[in-house]
PDB file of N, CA and C in Angstrom:
ATOM      1  N   MET A   1    -198.340 151.067  -5.641  1.00  0.00           N
ATOM      2  CA  MET A   1    -199.653 151.569  -5.646  1.00  0.00           C
ATOM      3  C   MET A   1    -200.034 151.702  -7.090  1.00  0.00           C
ATOM      4  N   SER A   2    -201.454 151.297  -7.363  1.00  0.00           N
ATOM      5  CA  SER A   2    -202.057 151.144  -8.618  1.00  0.00           C
ATOM      6  C   SER A   2    -202.662 152.478  -8.998  1.00  0.00           C
ATOM      7  N   GLN A   3    -202.610 152.828 -10.304  1.00  0.00           N
ATOM      8  CA  GLN A   3    -203.224 154.138 -10.863  1.00  0.00           C
ATOM      9  C   GLN A   3    -203.936 153.819 -12.121  1.00  0.00           C
ATOM     10  N   ARG A   4    -204.850 154.794 -12.241  1.00  0.00           N
ATOM     11  CA  ARG A   4    -205.684 154.697 -13.561  1.00  0.00           C
ATOM     12  C   ARG A   4    -205.848 156.178 -14.089  1.00  0.00           C
ATOM     13  N   THR A   5    -205.714 156.579 -15.265  1.00  0.00           N
ATOM     14  CA  THR A   5    -206.143 157.991 -15.682  1.00  0.00           C
ATOM     15  C   THR A   5    -207.300 157.779 -16.840  1.00  0.00           C
ATOM     16  N   VAL A   6    -208.444 158.489 -16.392  1.00  0.00           N
ATOM     17  CA  VAL A   6    -209.584 158.510 -17.173  1.00  0.00           C
ATOM     18  C   VAL A   6    -210.215 159.872 -17.411  1.00  0.00           C
ATOM     19  N   ALA A   7    -210.611 160.116 -18.632  1.00  0.00           N
ATOM     20  CA  ALA A   7    -211.490 161.293 -18.841  1.00  0.00           C
ATOM     21  C   ALA A   7    -212.816 161.264 -18.235  1.00  0.00           C
ATOM     22  N   VAL A   8    -213.274 162.236 -17.681  1.00  0.00           N
ATOM     23  CA  VAL A   8    -214.754 162.370 -17.219  1.00  0.00           C
ATOM     24  C   VAL A   8    -215.628 162.412 -18.227  1.00  0.00           C
ATOM     25  N   GLY A   9    -216.740 161.419 -18.135  1.00  0.00           N
ATOM     26  CA  GLY A   9    -217.829 161.254 -19.206  1.00  0.00           C
ATOM     27  C   GLY A   9    -218.996 162.174 -18.970  1.00  0.00           C
ATOM     28  N   SER A  10    -219.103 162.614 -17.705  1.00  0.00           N
ATOM     29  CA  SER A  10    -220.491 163.174 -17.389  1.00  0.00           C
ATOM     30  C   SER A  10    -220.442 164.572 -18.019  1.00  0.00           C
ATOM     31  N   VAL A  11    -221.423 164.824 -18.770  1.00  0.00           N
ATOM     32  CA  VAL A  11    -221.634 166.027 -19.589  1.00  0.00           C
ATOM     33  C   VAL A  11    -221.281 167.334 -18.799  1.00  0.00           C
ATOM     34  N   LEU A  12    -221.580 167.533 -17.483  1.00  0.00           N
ATOM     35  CA  LEU A  12    -221.488 168.546 -16.616  1.00  0.00           C
ATOM     36  C   LEU A  12    -220.296 168.437 -15.630  1.00  0.00           C
ATOM     37  N   GLY A  13    -219.403 167.348 -15.960  1.00  0.00           N
ATOM     38  CA  GLY A  13    -218.217 167.158 -15.031  1.00  0.00           C
ATOM     39  C   GLY A  13    -218.744 166.383 -13.850  1.00  0.00           C
ATOM     40  N   LEU A  14    -217.752 166.520 -12.737  1.00  0.00           N
ATOM     41  CA  LEU A  14    -218.006 165.934 -11.389  1.00  0.00           C
ATOM     42  C   LEU A  14    -218.755 166.897 -10.469  1.00  0.00           C
ATOM     43  N   HIS A  15    -220.007 167.359 -10.950  1.00  0.00           N
ATOM     44  CA  HIS A  15    -220.741 168.149 -10.001  1.00  0.00           C
ATOM     45  C   HIS A  15    -221.641 167.108  -9.040  1.00  0.00           C
ATOM     46  N   ALA A  16    -222.607 167.656  -8.391  1.00  0.00           N
ATOM     47  CA  ALA A  16    -223.219 166.848  -7.179  1.00  0.00           C
ATOM     48  C   ALA A  16    -223.682 165.479  -7.534  1.00  0.00           C
ATOM     49  N   ARG A  17    -224.410 165.018  -8.556  1.00  0.00           N
ATOM     50  CA  ARG A  17    -224.918 163.835  -8.873  1.00  0.00           C
ATOM     51  C   ARG A  17    -223.919 162.947  -9.122  1.00  0.00           C
ATOM     52  N   PRO A  18    -223.111 163.162 -10.260  1.00  0.00           N
ATOM     53  CA  PRO A  18    -221.901 162.167 -10.690  1.00  0.00           C
ATOM     54  C   PRO A  18    -220.891 161.959  -9.579  1.00  0.00           C
ATOM     55  N   ALA A  19    -220.590 163.062  -8.822  1.00  0.00           N
ATOM     56  CA  ALA A  19    -219.709 163.047  -7.696  1.00  0.00           C
ATOM     57  C   ALA A  19    -220.150 162.205  -6.619  1.00  0.00           C
ATOM     58  N   THR A  20    -221.380 162.348  -6.203  1.00  0.00           N
ATOM     59  CA  THR A  20    -222.062 161.318  -5.313  1.00  0.00           C
ATOM     60  C   THR A  20    -222.032 159.971  -5.620  1.00  0.00           C
ATOM     61  N   LEU A  21    -222.335 159.712  -6.911  1.00  0.00           N
ATOM     62  CA  LEU A  21    -222.327 158.252  -7.266  1.00  0.00           C
ATOM     63  C   LEU A  21    -220.949 157.608  -7.233  1.00  0.00           C
ATOM     64  N   PHE A  22    -219.913 158.469  -7.638  1.00  0.00           N
ATOM     65  CA  PHE A  22    -218.635 158.131  -7.634  1.00  0.00           C
ATOM     66  C   PHE A  22    -218.131 157.900  -6.102  1.00  0.00           C
ATOM     67  N   VAL A  23    -218.200 158.797  -5.398  1.00  0.00           N
ATOM     68  CA  VAL A  23    -217.976 158.672  -3.925  1.00  0.00           C
ATOM     69  C   VAL A  23    -218.511 157.269  -3.364  1.00  0.00           C
ATOM     70  N   GLN A  24    -219.934 157.184  -3.612  1.00  0.00           N
ATOM     71  CA  GLN A  24    -220.509 155.918  -3.079  1.00  0.00           C
ATOM     72  C   GLN A  24    -219.797 154.669  -3.611  1.00  0.00           C
ATOM     73  N   ALA A  25    -219.367 154.833  -4.951  1.00  0.00           N
ATOM     74  CA  ALA A  25    -218.615 153.536  -5.444  1.00  0.00           C
ATOM     75  C   ALA A  25    -217.346 153.355  -4.691  1.00  0.00           C
ATOM     76  N   VAL A  26    -216.496 154.515  -4.491  1.00  0.00           N
ATOM     77  CA  VAL A  26    -215.397 154.329  -3.744  1.00  0.00           C
ATOM     78  C   VAL A  26    -215.383 153.761  -2.389  1.00  0.00           C
ATOM     79  N   ASN A  27    -216.505 154.311  -1.701  1.00  0.00           N
ATOM     80  CA  ASN A  27    -216.738 153.887  -0.292  1.00  0.00           C
ATOM     81  C   ASN A  27    -217.087 152.450  -0.305  1.00  0.00           C
ATOM     82  N   ALA A  28    -217.779 151.933  -1.254  1.00  0.00           N
ATOM     83  CA  ALA A  28    -218.139 150.388  -1.409  1.00  0.00           C
ATOM     84  C   ALA A  28    -216.843 149.510  -1.531  1.00  0.00           C
ATOM     85  N   THR A  29    -215.815 150.191  -2.062  1.00  0.00           N
ATOM     86  CA  THR A  29    -214.516 149.358  -2.459  1.00  0.00           C
ATOM     87  C   THR A  29    -213.910 149.034  -1.103  1.00  0.00           C
ATOM     88  N   GLY A  30    -214.050 149.841  -0.072  1.00  0.00           N
ATOM     89  CA  GLY A  30    -213.320 149.704   1.268  1.00  0.00           C
ATOM     90  C   GLY A  30    -211.885 150.124   1.049  1.00  0.00           C
ATOM     91  N   LEU A  31    -211.446 150.735  -0.081  1.00  0.00           N
ATOM     92  CA  LEU A  31    -209.993 150.979  -0.260  1.00  0.00           C
ATOM     93  C   LEU A  31    -209.832 152.564  -0.029  1.00  0.00           C
ATOM     94  N   PRO A  32    -208.705 152.952   0.371  1.00  0.00           N
ATOM     95  CA  PRO A  32    -208.244 154.451   0.468  1.00  0.00           C
ATOM     96  C   PRO A  32    -207.988 155.017  -0.946  1.00  0.00           C
ATOM     97  N   VAL A  33    -208.790 155.362  -1.652  1.00  0.00           N
ATOM     98  CA  VAL A  33    -208.716 155.925  -3.004  1.00  0.00           C
ATOM     99  C   VAL A  33    -208.311 157.248  -3.090  1.00  0.00           C
ATOM    100  N   THR A  34    -207.657 157.863  -4.032  1.00  0.00           N
ATOM    101  CA  THR A  34    -207.266 159.239  -4.179  1.00  0.00           C
ATOM    102  C   THR A  34    -207.673 159.489  -5.434  1.00  0.00           C
ATOM    103  N   VAL A  35    -207.959 160.832  -5.796  1.00  0.00           N
ATOM    104  CA  VAL A  35    -208.431 161.366  -7.133  1.00  0.00           C
ATOM    105  C   VAL A  35    -207.677 162.634  -7.229  1.00  0.00           C
ATOM    106  N   ALA A  36    -207.095 162.895  -8.589  1.00  0.00           N
ATOM    107  CA  ALA A  36    -206.424 164.116  -8.685  1.00  0.00           C
ATOM    108  C   ALA A  36    -206.902 164.581 -10.162  1.00  0.00           C
ATOM    109  N   GLY A  37    -206.970 165.721 -10.141  1.00  0.00           N
ATOM    110  CA  GLY A  37    -207.431 166.499 -11.566  1.00  0.00           C
ATOM    111  C   GLY A  37    -205.979 166.908 -12.081  1.00  0.00           C
ATOM    112  N   GLU A  38    -205.984 167.288 -13.292  1.00  0.00           N
ATOM    113  CA  GLU A  38    -204.803 167.646 -14.227  1.00  0.00           C
ATOM    114  C   GLU A  38    -203.945 168.701 -13.174  1.00  0.00           C
ATOM    115  N   GLY A  39    -202.822 168.388 -12.871  1.00  0.00           N
ATOM    116  CA  GLY A  39    -202.048 169.660 -12.241  1.00  0.00           C
ATOM    117  C   GLY A  39    -202.598 169.883 -10.792  1.00  0.00           C
ATOM    118  N   GLN A  40    -203.381 169.065 -10.135  1.00  0.00           N
ATOM    119  CA  GLN A  40    -203.865 169.168  -8.822  1.00  0.00           C
ATOM    120  C   GLN A  40    -203.325 168.077  -7.972  1.00  0.00           C
ATOM    121  N   ASP A  41    -203.229 168.312  -6.629  1.00  0.00           N
ATOM    122  CA  ASP A  41    -202.986 167.429  -5.754  1.00  0.00           C
ATOM    123  C   ASP A  41    -203.964 166.395  -5.329  1.00  0.00           C
ATOM    124  N   PRO A  42    -203.668 165.198  -5.142  1.00  0.00           N
ATOM    125  CA  PRO A  42    -204.746 164.232  -5.089  1.00  0.00           C
ATOM    126  C   PRO A  42    -205.542 164.431  -3.610  1.00  0.00           C
ATOM    127  N   VAL A  43    -206.659 164.170  -3.836  1.00  0.00           N
ATOM    128  CA  VAL A  43    -207.705 164.366  -2.573  1.00  0.00           C
ATOM    129  C   VAL A  43    -208.341 163.007  -2.374  1.00  0.00           C
ATOM    130  N   ASP A  44    -208.861 162.807  -1.073  1.00  0.00           N
ATOM    131  CA  ASP A  44    -209.493 161.638  -0.696  1.00  0.00           C
ATOM    132  C   ASP A  44    -210.739 161.452  -1.391  1.00  0.00           C
ATOM    133  N   ALA A  45    -210.722 160.359  -2.177  1.00  0.00           N
ATOM    134  CA  ALA A  45    -211.998 160.197  -3.214  1.00  0.00           C
ATOM    135  C   ALA A  45    -213.295 159.486  -2.222  1.00  0.00           C
ATOM    136  N   ARG A  46    -212.986 159.348  -0.946  1.00  0.00           N
ATOM    137  CA  ARG A  46    -214.133 158.989  -0.132  1.00  0.00           C
ATOM    138  C   ARG A  46    -214.922 160.130   0.424  1.00  0.00           C
ATOM    139  N   SER A  47    -214.411 161.351  -0.014  1.00  0.00           N
ATOM    140  CA  SER A  47    -215.040 162.654   0.636  1.00  0.00           C
ATOM    141  C   SER A  47    -215.765 163.298  -0.661  1.00  0.00           C
ATOM    142  N   LEU A  48    -217.105 163.474  -0.515  1.00  0.00           N
ATOM    143  CA  LEU A  48    -217.864 164.127  -1.537  1.00  0.00           C
ATOM    144  C   LEU A  48    -217.317 165.750  -1.647  1.00  0.00           C
ATOM    145  N   LEU A  49    -217.290 166.281  -0.692  1.00  0.00           N
ATOM    146  CA  LEU A  49    -216.584 167.586  -0.623  1.00  0.00           C
ATOM    147  C   LEU A  49    -215.250 167.901  -1.303  1.00  0.00           C
ATOM    148  N   ALA A  50    -214.457 166.898  -1.044  1.00  0.00           N
ATOM    149  CA  ALA A  50    -212.968 166.847  -1.474  1.00  0.00           C
ATOM    150  C   ALA A  50    -213.171 166.602  -3.041  1.00  0.00           C
ATOM    151  N   VAL A  51    -213.916 165.732  -3.621  1.00  0.00           N
ATOM    152  CA  VAL A  51    -214.022 165.477  -4.994  1.00  0.00           C
ATOM    153  C   VAL A  51    -214.772 166.594  -5.729  1.00  0.00           C
ATOM    154  N   MET A  52    -215.826 167.197  -5.166  1.00  0.00           N
ATOM    155  CA  MET A  52    -216.305 168.295  -5.804  1.00  0.00           C
ATOM    156  C   MET A  52    -215.497 169.598  -5.878  1.00  0.00           C
ATOM    157  N   SER A  53    -214.708 169.716  -4.846  1.00  0.00           N
ATOM    158  CA  SER A  53    -213.635 170.924  -4.801  1.00  0.00           C
ATOM    159  C   SER A  53    -212.645 170.829  -5.870  1.00  0.00           C
ATOM    160  N   LEU A  54    -212.415 169.747  -6.524  1.00  0.00           N
ATOM    161  CA  LEU A  54    -211.584 169.602  -7.773  1.00  0.00           C
ATOM    162  C   LEU A  54    -211.896 170.329  -8.881  1.00  0.00           C
ATOM    163  N   GLY A  55    -213.392 170.501  -9.084  1.00  0.00           N
ATOM    164  CA  GLY A  55    -214.047 171.268 -10.175  1.00  0.00           C
ATOM    165  C   GLY A  55    -213.724 170.768 -11.492  1.00  0.00           C
ATOM    166  N   VAL A  56    -213.752 169.363 -11.528  1.00  0.00           N
ATOM    167  CA  VAL A  56    -213.235 168.669 -12.912  1.00  0.00           C
ATOM    168  C   VAL A  56    -214.483 168.779 -13.843  1.00  0.00           C
ATOM    169  N   LYS A  57    -214.132 169.112 -15.174  1.00  0.00           N
ATOM    170  CA  LYS A  57    -215.304 169.298 -16.080  1.00  0.00           C
ATOM    171  C   LYS A  57    -215.278 168.209 -17.111  1.00  0.00           C
ATOM    172  N   HIS A  58    -216.283 168.180 -17.847  1.00  0.00           N
ATOM    173  CA  HIS A  58    -216.406 167.005 -18.870  1.00  0.00           C
ATOM    174  C   HIS A  58    -215.134 166.939 -19.831  1.00  0.00           C
ATOM    175  N   GLY A  59    -214.705 165.677 -20.024  1.00  0.00           N
ATOM    176  CA  GLY A  59    -213.488 165.534 -20.873  1.00  0.00           C
ATOM    177  C   GLY A  59    -212.307 165.822 -20.111  1.00  0.00           C
ATOM    178  N   GLU A  60    -212.184 166.300 -18.991  1.00  0.00           N
ATOM    179  CA  GLU A  60    -210.943 166.547 -18.279  1.00  0.00           C
ATOM    180  C   GLU A  60    -210.382 165.207 -17.658  1.00  0.00           C
ATOM    181  N   GLU A  61    -209.222 164.968 -17.553  1.00  0.00           N
ATOM    182  CA  GLU A  61    -208.660 163.769 -17.086  1.00  0.00           C
ATOM    183  C   GLU A  61    -208.388 163.735 -15.540  1.00  0.00           C
ATOM    184  N   VAL A  62    -208.821 162.631 -14.886  1.00  0.00           N
ATOM    185  CA  VAL A  62    -208.465 162.545 -13.533  1.00  0.00           C
ATOM    186  C   VAL A  62    -207.423 161.193 -13.310  1.00  0.00           C
ATOM    187  N   THR A  63    -206.803 161.340 -12.359  1.00  0.00           N
ATOM    188  CA  THR A  63    -206.032 160.079 -12.043  1.00  0.00           C
ATOM    189  C   THR A  63    -206.585 159.524 -10.661  1.00  0.00           C
ATOM    190  N   LEU A  64    -206.761 158.103 -10.734  1.00  0.00           N
ATOM    191  CA  LEU A  64    -207.187 157.674  -9.476  1.00  0.00           C
ATOM    192  C   LEU A  64    -206.032 156.630  -9.101  1.00  0.00           C
ATOM    193  N   ALA A  65    -206.130 156.500  -7.690  1.00  0.00           N
ATOM    194  CA  ALA A  65    -204.842 155.670  -7.107  1.00  0.00           C
ATOM    195  C   ALA A  65    -205.301 155.096  -5.892  1.00  0.00           C
ATOM    196  N   THR A  66    -204.747 153.835  -5.610  1.00  0.00           N
ATOM    197  CA  THR A  66    -205.061 153.019  -4.444  1.00  0.00           C
ATOM    198  C   THR A  66    -204.114 151.986  -4.255  1.00  0.00           C
ATOM    199  N   GLU A  67    -204.146 151.297  -3.201  1.00  0.00           N
ATOM    200  CA  GLU A  67    -203.323 150.102  -2.970  1.00  0.00           C
ATOM    201  C   GLU A  67    -203.979 149.131  -2.017  1.00  0.00           C
ATOM    202  N   GLY A  68    -203.874 147.856  -2.126  1.00  0.00           N
ATOM    203  CA  GLY A  68    -204.441 147.039  -1.237  1.00  0.00           C
ATOM    204  C   GLY A  68    -205.154 145.887  -2.143  1.00  0.00           C
ATOM    205  N   GLU A  69    -205.652 144.900  -1.390  1.00  0.00           N
ATOM    206  CA  GLU A  69    -206.209 143.744  -2.018  1.00  0.00           C
ATOM    207  C   GLU A  69    -207.157 144.139  -2.984  1.00  0.00           C
ATOM    208  N   ASN A  70    -207.411 143.683  -4.202  1.00  0.00           N
ATOM    209  CA  ASN A  70    -208.247 143.957  -5.192  1.00  0.00           C
ATOM    210  C   ASN A  70    -208.169 145.377  -5.698  1.00  0.00           C
ATOM    211  N   ALA A  71    -207.182 146.104  -5.556  1.00  0.00           N
ATOM    212  CA  ALA A  71    -206.920 147.374  -5.967  1.00  0.00           C
ATOM    213  C   ALA A  71    -207.069 147.559  -7.508  1.00  0.00           C
ATOM    214  N   GLU A  72    -206.490 146.572  -8.237  1.00  0.00           N
ATOM    215  CA  GLU A  72    -206.652 146.702  -9.793  1.00  0.00           C
ATOM    216  C   GLU A  72    -208.040 146.654 -10.361  1.00  0.00           C
ATOM    217  N   GLU A  73    -208.794 145.660  -9.656  1.00  0.00           N
ATOM    218  CA  GLU A  73    -210.211 145.596 -10.113  1.00  0.00           C
ATOM    219  C   GLU A  73    -211.102 146.740  -9.617  1.00  0.00           C
ATOM    220  N   ALA A  74    -210.842 147.287  -8.541  1.00  0.00           N
ATOM    221  CA  ALA A  74    -211.425 148.451  -8.001  1.00  0.00           C
ATOM    222  C   ALA A  74    -211.261 149.622  -8.799  1.00  0.00           C
ATOM    223  N   LEU A  75    -210.071 149.841  -9.199  1.00  0.00           N
ATOM    224  CA  LEU A  75    -209.665 150.994  -9.949  1.00  0.00           C
ATOM    225  C   LEU A  75    -210.333 150.805 -11.487  1.00  0.00           C
ATOM    226  N   ASP A  76    -210.294 149.641 -12.049  1.00  0.00           N
ATOM    227  CA  ASP A  76    -211.046 149.352 -13.490  1.00  0.00           C
ATOM    228  C   ASP A  76    -212.461 149.932 -13.350  1.00  0.00           C
ATOM    229  N   SER A  77    -213.206 149.454 -12.068  1.00  0.00           N
ATOM    230  CA  SER A  77    -214.710 149.697 -12.196  1.00  0.00           C
ATOM    231  C   SER A  77    -214.944 151.144 -11.851  1.00  0.00           C
ATOM    232  N   LEU A  78    -214.118 151.796 -10.944  1.00  0.00           N
ATOM    233  CA  LEU A  78    -214.171 153.264 -10.838  1.00  0.00           C
ATOM    234  C   LEU A  78    -213.980 154.140 -12.034  1.00  0.00           C
ATOM    235  N   ALA A  79    -212.885 153.635 -12.750  1.00  0.00           N
ATOM    236  CA  ALA A  79    -212.548 154.413 -13.997  1.00  0.00           C
ATOM    237  C   ALA A  79    -213.762 154.191 -14.962  1.00  0.00           C
ATOM    238  N   GLU A  80    -214.171 153.112 -15.060  1.00  0.00           N
ATOM    239  CA  GLU A  80    -215.384 152.659 -16.054  1.00  0.00           C
ATOM    240  C   GLU A  80    -216.538 153.720 -15.709  1.00  0.00           C
ATOM    241  N   LEU A  81    -216.766 153.771 -14.355  1.00  0.00           N
ATOM    242  CA  LEU A  81    -217.863 154.663 -13.919  1.00  0.00           C
ATOM    243  C   LEU A  81    -217.752 156.108 -14.258  1.00  0.00           C
ATOM    244  N   LEU A  82    -216.377 156.631 -14.033  1.00  0.00           N
ATOM    245  CA  LEU A  82    -216.263 158.017 -14.184  1.00  0.00           C
ATOM    246  C   LEU A  82    -216.308 158.301 -15.838  1.00  0.00           C
ATOM    247  N   ALA A  83    -215.906 157.228 -16.697  1.00  0.00           N
ATOM    248  CA  ALA A  83    -215.952 157.623 -18.063  1.00  0.00           C
ATOM    249  C   ALA A  83    -217.374 157.414 -18.682  1.00  0.00           C
ATOM    250  N   SER A  84    -218.322 157.054 -17.965  1.00  0.00           N
ATOM    251  CA  SER A  84    -219.631 157.089 -18.414  1.00  0.00           C
ATOM    252  C   SER A  84    -220.298 158.330 -18.051  1.00  0.00           C
ATOM    253  N   ASP A  85    -221.544 158.662 -18.704  1.00  0.00           N
ATOM    254  CA  ASP A  85    -222.236 159.817 -18.484  1.00  0.00           C
ATOM    255  C   ASP A  85    -223.273 159.604 -17.244  1.00  0.00           C
ATOM    256  N   LEU A  86    -222.916 160.003 -16.117  1.00  0.00           N
ATOM    257  CA  LEU A  86    -223.702 159.857 -15.016  1.00  0.00           C
ATOM    258  C   LEU A  86    -224.715 160.887 -14.766  1.00  0.00           C
ATOM    259  N   ASP A  87    -224.941 161.631 -15.628  1.00  0.00           N
ATOM    260  CA  ASP A  87    -225.958 162.828 -15.721  1.00  0.00           C
ATOM    261  C   ASP A  87    -227.293 162.217 -16.038  1.00  0.00           C
ATOM    262  N   SER A  88    -227.340 161.028 -16.920  1.00  0.00           N
ATOM    263  CA  SER A  88    -228.568 160.473 -17.423  1.00  0.00           C
ATOM    264  C   SER A  88    -229.252 159.419 -16.468  1.00  0.00           C
TER     265      SER A  88
END
């Protein structure tokens, strides 16, 4: 299983717009990605409701995990997306 830990770059955290963009990117990978906030159990990153329920704020770290073909590349691009400010 491949993993990446990244600090959320969006000023308001993973609220509606950034979470939606992230979930769309996860679904585009075709991989079963999970995301977990610090001290939280992993949730299915393909679910907008699950991602938003984490309540991740700006600067907090999340851990992404997946396995399968192209897992490393997928996690790299998803981590880069989460590190950017998706509010603008």
